[in-house]
Amino acid sequence: SHPAGQVNPYAVELLAKNGISVADLR
């Protein structure tokens, strides 16, 4: 409802570490 404008870097790091694509996340 009030987007932060960026994906949290800890979320990106964790997803990548688990082999989950982060390419289309925003």
PDB file of all heavy atoms in Angstrom:
ATOM      1  N   SER A   1       0.832  -1.199   0.000  1.00  0.00           N
ATOM      2  CA  SER A   1       0.000   0.000   0.000  1.00  0.00           C
ATOM      3  C   SER A   1       0.873   1.258   0.000  1.00  0.00           C
ATOM      4  O   SER A   1       0.469   2.300  -0.497  1.00  0.00           O
ATOM      5  CB  SER A   1      -0.952  -0.001   1.200  1.00  0.00           C
ATOM      6  OG  SER A   1      -0.234  -0.141   2.406  1.00  0.00           O
ATOM      7  N   HIS A   2       2.072   1.163   0.565  1.00  0.00           N
ATOM      8  CA  HIS A   2       3.058   2.243   0.568  1.00  0.00           C
ATOM      9  C   HIS A   2       4.429   1.625   0.287  1.00  0.00           C
ATOM     10  O   HIS A   2       5.235   1.461   1.202  1.00  0.00           O
ATOM     11  CB  HIS A   2       3.061   2.967   1.917  1.00  0.00           C
ATOM     12  CG  HIS A   2       1.777   3.649   2.219  1.00  0.00           C
ATOM     13  ND1 HIS A   2       0.756   3.033   2.909  1.00  0.00           N
ATOM     14  CD2 HIS A   2       1.331   4.876   1.900  1.00  0.00           C
ATOM     15  CE1 HIS A   2      -0.256   3.867   3.012  1.00  0.00           C
ATOM     16  NE2 HIS A   2       0.064   4.991   2.406  1.00  0.00           N
ATOM     17  N   PRO A   3       4.676   1.236  -0.974  1.00  0.00           N
ATOM     18  CA  PRO A   3       5.896   0.488  -1.297  1.00  0.00           C
ATOM     19  C   PRO A   3       7.169   1.252  -0.952  1.00  0.00           C
ATOM     20  O   PRO A   3       7.248   2.469  -1.111  1.00  0.00           O
ATOM     21  CB  PRO A   3       5.790   0.241  -2.800  1.00  0.00           C
ATOM     22  CG  PRO A   3       4.778   1.199  -3.298  1.00  0.00           C
ATOM     23  CD  PRO A   3       3.869   1.530  -2.155  1.00  0.00           C
ATOM     24  N   ALA A   4       8.146   0.499  -0.484  1.00  0.00           N
ATOM     25  CA  ALA A   4       9.440   1.060  -0.094  1.00  0.00           C
ATOM     26  C   ALA A   4      10.239   1.530  -1.306  1.00  0.00           C
ATOM     27  O   ALA A   4      11.145   2.351  -1.173  1.00  0.00           O
ATOM     28  CB  ALA A   4      10.244   0.012   0.677  1.00  0.00           C
ATOM     29  N   GLY A   5       9.929   0.995  -2.471  1.00  0.00           N
ATOM     30  CA  GLY A   5      10.635   1.392  -3.686  1.00  0.00           C
ATOM     31  C   GLY A   5      11.825   0.520  -4.024  1.00  0.00           C
ATOM     32  O   GLY A   5      12.379   0.628  -5.105  1.00  0.00           O
ATOM     33  N   GLN A   6      12.219  -0.352  -3.094  1.00  0.00           N
ATOM     34  CA  GLN A   6      13.307  -1.283  -3.389  1.00  0.00           C
ATOM     35  C   GLN A   6      13.115  -2.548  -2.562  1.00  0.00           C
ATOM     36  O   GLN A   6      12.512  -2.526  -1.500  1.00  0.00           O
ATOM     37  CB  GLN A   6      14.671  -0.665  -3.095  1.00  0.00           C
ATOM     38  CG  GLN A   6      14.921  -0.397  -1.630  1.00  0.00           C
ATOM     39  CD  GLN A   6      16.305   0.198  -1.392  1.00  0.00           C
ATOM     40  OE1 GLN A   6      16.898   0.794  -2.289  1.00  0.00           O
ATOM     41  NE2 GLN A   6      16.814   0.038  -0.196  1.00  0.00           N
ATOM     42  N   VAL A   7      13.632  -3.631  -3.091  1.00  0.00           N
ATOM     43  CA  VAL A   7      13.588  -4.908  -2.388  1.00  0.00           C
ATOM     44  C   VAL A   7      14.714  -4.898  -1.353  1.00  0.00           C
ATOM     45  O   VAL A   7      15.835  -4.485  -1.647  1.00  0.00           O
ATOM     46  CB  VAL A   7      13.758  -6.083  -3.372  1.00  0.00           C
ATOM     47  CG1 VAL A   7      13.792  -7.407  -2.633  1.00  0.00           C
ATOM     48  CG2 VAL A   7      12.628  -6.074  -4.403  1.00  0.00           C
ATOM     49  N   ASN A   8      14.403  -5.343  -0.147  1.00  0.00           N
ATOM     50  CA  ASN A   8      15.392  -5.374   0.917  1.00  0.00           C
ATOM     51  C   ASN A   8      16.566  -6.261   0.503  1.00  0.00           C
ATOM     52  O   ASN A   8      16.372  -7.391   0.053  1.00  0.00           O
ATOM     53  CB  ASN A   8      14.749  -5.904   2.201  1.00  0.00           C
ATOM     54  CG  ASN A   8      15.676  -5.829   3.376  1.00  0.00           C
ATOM     55  OD1 ASN A   8      16.661  -6.551   3.444  1.00  0.00           O
ATOM     56  ND2 ASN A   8      15.347  -4.962   4.318  1.00  0.00           N
ATOM     57  N   PRO A   9      17.798  -5.780   0.651  1.00  0.00           N
ATOM     58  CA  PRO A   9      18.961  -6.566   0.230  1.00  0.00           C
ATOM     59  C   PRO A   9      19.109  -7.902   0.967  1.00  0.00           C
ATOM     60  O   PRO A   9      19.638  -8.861   0.401  1.00  0.00           O
ATOM     61  CB  PRO A   9      20.156  -5.654   0.507  1.00  0.00           C
ATOM     62  CG  PRO A   9      19.636  -4.453   1.191  1.00  0.00           C
ATOM     63  CD  PRO A   9      18.151  -4.449   1.118  1.00  0.00           C
ATOM     64  N   TYR A  10      18.633  -7.994   2.199  1.00  0.00           N
ATOM     65  CA  TYR A  10      18.692  -9.266   2.923  1.00  0.00           C
ATOM     66  C   TYR A  10      17.728 -10.280   2.302  1.00  0.00           C
ATOM     67  O   TYR A  10      18.010 -11.475   2.282  1.00  0.00           O
ATOM     68  CB  TYR A  10      18.386  -9.081   4.412  1.00  0.00           C
ATOM     69  CG  TYR A  10      19.472  -8.339   5.151  1.00  0.00           C
ATOM     70  CD1 TYR A  10      19.327  -7.000   5.463  1.00  0.00           C
ATOM     71  CD2 TYR A  10      20.651  -8.983   5.520  1.00  0.00           C
ATOM     72  CE1 TYR A  10      20.321  -6.301   6.134  1.00  0.00           C
ATOM     73  CE2 TYR A  10      21.658  -8.303   6.194  1.00  0.00           C
ATOM     74  CZ  TYR A  10      21.487  -6.961   6.491  1.00  0.00           C
ATOM     75  OH  TYR A  10      22.485  -6.280   7.149  1.00  0.00           O
ATOM     76  N   ALA A  11      16.599  -9.800   1.774  1.00  0.00           N
ATOM     77  CA  ALA A  11      15.663 -10.686   1.077  1.00  0.00           C
ATOM     78  C   ALA A  11      16.295 -11.210  -0.205  1.00  0.00           C
ATOM     79  O   ALA A  11      16.233 -12.409  -0.508  1.00  0.00           O
ATOM     80  CB  ALA A  11      14.357  -9.954   0.768  1.00  0.00           C
ATOM     81  N   VAL A  12      16.925 -10.321  -0.963  1.00  0.00           N
ATOM     82  CA  VAL A  12      17.588 -10.717  -2.216  1.00  0.00           C
ATOM     83  C   VAL A  12      18.683 -11.741  -1.924  1.00  0.00           C
ATOM     84  O   VAL A  12      18.778 -12.782  -2.588  1.00  0.00           O
ATOM     85  CB  VAL A  12      18.172  -9.478  -2.934  1.00  0.00           C
ATOM     86  CG1 VAL A  12      19.027  -9.888  -4.123  1.00  0.00           C
ATOM     87  CG2 VAL A  12      17.056  -8.543  -3.369  1.00  0.00           C
ATOM     88  N   GLU A  13      19.500 -11.463  -0.919  1.00  0.00           N
ATOM     89  CA  GLU A  13      20.592 -12.365  -0.551  1.00  0.00           C
ATOM     90  C   GLU A  13      20.074 -13.751  -0.169  1.00  0.00           C
ATOM     91  O   GLU A  13      20.598 -14.773  -0.624  1.00  0.00           O
ATOM     92  CB  GLU A  13      21.362 -11.747   0.631  1.00  0.00           C
ATOM     93  CG  GLU A  13      22.464 -12.615   1.185  1.00  0.00           C
ATOM     94  CD  GLU A  13      23.081 -11.972   2.429  1.00  0.00           C
ATOM     95  OE1 GLU A  13      23.911 -11.052   2.269  1.00  0.00           O
ATOM     96  OE2 GLU A  13      22.742 -12.400   3.546  1.00  0.00           O
ATOM     97  N   LEU A  14      19.031 -13.789   0.648  1.00  0.00           N
ATOM     98  CA  LEU A  14      18.485 -15.065   1.121  1.00  0.00           C
ATOM     99  C   LEU A  14      17.860 -15.867  -0.016  1.00  0.00           C
ATOM    100  O   LEU A  14      18.067 -17.078  -0.127  1.00  0.00           O
ATOM    101  CB  LEU A  14      17.454 -14.809   2.224  1.00  0.00           C
ATOM    102  CG  LEU A  14      16.805 -16.035   2.843  1.00  0.00           C
ATOM    103  CD1 LEU A  14      17.838 -16.945   3.500  1.00  0.00           C
ATOM    104  CD2 LEU A  14      15.759 -15.595   3.865  1.00  0.00           C
ATOM    105  N   LEU A  15      17.110 -15.204  -0.866  1.00  0.00           N
ATOM    106  CA  LEU A  15      16.490 -15.908  -1.998  1.00  0.00           C
ATOM    107  C   LEU A  15      17.556 -16.484  -2.920  1.00  0.00           C
ATOM    108  O   LEU A  15      17.480 -17.652  -3.319  1.00  0.00           O
ATOM    109  CB  LEU A  15      15.550 -14.966  -2.758  1.00  0.00           C
ATOM    110  CG  LEU A  15      14.280 -14.591  -2.014  1.00  0.00           C
ATOM    111  CD1 LEU A  15      13.576 -13.429  -2.708  1.00  0.00           C
ATOM    112  CD2 LEU A  15      13.347 -15.788  -1.868  1.00  0.00           C
ATOM    113  N   ALA A  16      18.548 -15.670  -3.252  1.00  0.00           N
ATOM    114  CA  ALA A  16      19.623 -16.142  -4.138  1.00  0.00           C
ATOM    115  C   ALA A  16      20.350 -17.324  -3.505  1.00  0.00           C
ATOM    116  O   ALA A  16      20.660 -18.310  -4.184  1.00  0.00           O
ATOM    117  CB  ALA A  16      20.588 -15.001  -4.428  1.00  0.00           C
ATOM    118  N   LYS A  17      20.591 -17.257  -2.207  1.00  0.00           N
ATOM    119  CA  LYS A  17      21.289 -18.328  -1.493  1.00  0.00           C
ATOM    120  C   LYS A  17      20.483 -19.628  -1.535  1.00  0.00           C
ATOM    121  O   LYS A  17      21.047 -20.718  -1.496  1.00  0.00           O
ATOM    122  CB  LYS A  17      21.520 -17.906  -0.038  1.00  0.00           C
ATOM    123  CG  LYS A  17      22.443 -18.823   0.726  1.00  0.00           C
ATOM    124  CD  LYS A  17      22.651 -18.309   2.146  1.00  0.00           C
ATOM    125  CE  LYS A  17      23.890 -17.444   2.161  1.00  0.00           C
ATOM    126  NZ  LYS A  17      24.291 -17.050   3.510  1.00  0.00           N
ATOM    127  N   ASN A  18      19.149 -19.503  -1.647  1.00  0.00           N
ATOM    128  CA  ASN A  18      18.271 -20.673  -1.709  1.00  0.00           C
ATOM    129  C   ASN A  18      17.924 -21.069  -3.138  1.00  0.00           C
ATOM    130  O   ASN A  18      17.019 -21.880  -3.361  1.00  0.00           O
ATOM    131  CB  ASN A  18      17.003 -20.418  -0.891  1.00  0.00           C
ATOM    132  CG  ASN A  18      17.249 -20.594   0.592  1.00  0.00           C
ATOM    133  OD1 ASN A  18      17.245 -21.715   1.084  1.00  0.00           O
ATOM    134  ND2 ASN A  18      17.506 -19.499   1.291  1.00  0.00           N
ATOM    135  N   GLY A  19      18.616 -20.483  -4.114  1.00  0.00           N
ATOM    136  CA  GLY A  19      18.414 -20.855  -5.507  1.00  0.00           C
ATOM    137  C   GLY A  19      17.104 -20.378  -6.097  1.00  0.00           C
ATOM    138  O   GLY A  19      16.604 -20.961  -7.056  1.00  0.00           O
ATOM    139  N   ILE A  20      16.541 -19.317  -5.539  1.00  0.00           N
ATOM    140  CA  ILE A  20      15.272 -18.778  -6.026  1.00  0.00           C
ATOM    141  C   ILE A  20      15.563 -17.493  -6.802  1.00  0.00           C
ATOM    142  O   ILE A  20      16.259 -16.603  -6.305  1.00  0.00           O
ATOM    143  CB  ILE A  20      14.303 -18.501  -4.856  1.00  0.00           C
ATOM    144  CG1 ILE A  20      13.997 -19.822  -4.131  1.00  0.00           C
ATOM    145  CG2 ILE A  20      13.022 -17.847  -5.361  1.00  0.00           C
ATOM    146  CD1 ILE A  20      13.142 -19.672  -2.885  1.00  0.00           C
ATOM    147  N   SER A  21      15.022 -17.412  -7.989  1.00  0.00           N
ATOM    148  CA  SER A  21      15.281 -16.271  -8.867  1.00  0.00           C
ATOM    149  C   SER A  21      14.819 -14.955  -8.238  1.00  0.00           C
ATOM    150  O   SER A  21      13.731 -14.871  -7.670  1.00  0.00           O
ATOM    151  CB  SER A  21      14.564 -16.464 -10.204  1.00  0.00           C
ATOM    152  OG  SER A  21      14.723 -15.302 -11.003  1.00  0.00           O
ATOM    153  N   VAL A  22      15.660 -13.945  -8.384  1.00  0.00           N
ATOM    154  CA  VAL A  22      15.324 -12.607  -7.902  1.00  0.00           C
ATOM    155  C   VAL A  22      15.202 -11.635  -9.080  1.00  0.00           C
ATOM    156  O   VAL A  22      15.000 -10.438  -8.883  1.00  0.00           O
ATOM    157  CB  VAL A  22      16.376 -12.097  -6.886  1.00  0.00           C
ATOM    158  CG1 VAL A  22      16.396 -12.976  -5.651  1.00  0.00           C
ATOM    159  CG2 VAL A  22      17.763 -12.021  -7.506  1.00  0.00           C
ATOM    160  N   ALA A  23      15.302 -12.178 -10.298  1.00  0.00           N
ATOM    161  CA  ALA A  23      15.386 -11.349 -11.505  1.00  0.00           C
ATOM    162  C   ALA A  23      14.207 -10.394 -11.674  1.00  0.00           C
ATOM    163  O   ALA A  23      14.399  -9.239 -12.044  1.00  0.00           O
ATOM    164  CB  ALA A  23      15.513 -12.238 -12.735  1.00  0.00           C
ATOM    165  N   ASP A  24      12.983 -10.851 -11.420  1.00  0.00           N
ATOM    166  CA  ASP A  24      11.811 -10.020 -11.695  1.00  0.00           C
ATOM    167  C   ASP A  24      11.234  -9.354 -10.453  1.00  0.00           C
ATOM    168  O   ASP A  24      10.164  -8.749 -10.522  1.00  0.00           O
ATOM    169  CB  ASP A  24      10.726 -10.871 -12.361  1.00  0.00           C
ATOM    170  CG  ASP A  24      11.160 -11.376 -13.724  1.00  0.00           C
ATOM    171  OD1 ASP A  24      11.900 -10.654 -14.411  1.00  0.00           O
ATOM    172  OD2 ASP A  24      10.769 -12.506 -14.084  1.00  0.00           O
ATOM    173  N   LEU A  25      11.918  -9.459  -9.333  1.00  0.00           N
ATOM    174  CA  LEU A  25      11.372  -8.908  -8.096  1.00  0.00           C
ATOM    175  C   LEU A  25      11.596  -7.397  -8.027  1.00  0.00           C
ATOM    176  O   LEU A  25      12.675  -6.906  -8.321  1.00  0.00           O
ATOM    177  CB  LEU A  25      12.023  -9.576  -6.883  1.00  0.00           C
ATOM    178  CG  LEU A  25      11.771 -11.067  -6.745  1.00  0.00           C
ATOM    179  CD1 LEU A  25      12.510 -11.613  -5.530  1.00  0.00           C
ATOM    180  CD2 LEU A  25      10.288 -11.365  -6.643  1.00  0.00           C
ATOM    181  N   ARG A  26      10.541  -6.701  -7.625  1.00  0.00           N
ATOM    182  CA  ARG A  26      10.635  -5.257  -7.420  1.00  0.00           C
ATOM    183  C   ARG A  26       9.542  -4.836  -6.452  1.00  0.00           C
ATOM    184  O   ARG A  26       8.483  -5.467  -6.371  1.00  0.00           O
ATOM    185  CB  ARG A  26      10.535  -4.484  -8.734  1.00  0.00           C
ATOM    186  CG  ARG A  26       9.218  -4.656  -9.447  1.00  0.00           C
ATOM    187  CD  ARG A  26       9.210  -3.988 -10.824  1.00  0.00           C
ATOM    188  NE  ARG A  26       7.963  -4.253 -11.502  1.00  0.00           N
ATOM    189  CZ  ARG A  26       6.839  -3.549 -11.337  1.00  0.00           C
ATOM    190  NH1 ARG A  26       6.826  -2.509 -10.537  1.00  0.00           N
ATOM    191  NH2 ARG A  26       5.738  -3.866 -11.991  1.00  0.00           N
TER     192      ARG A  26
END
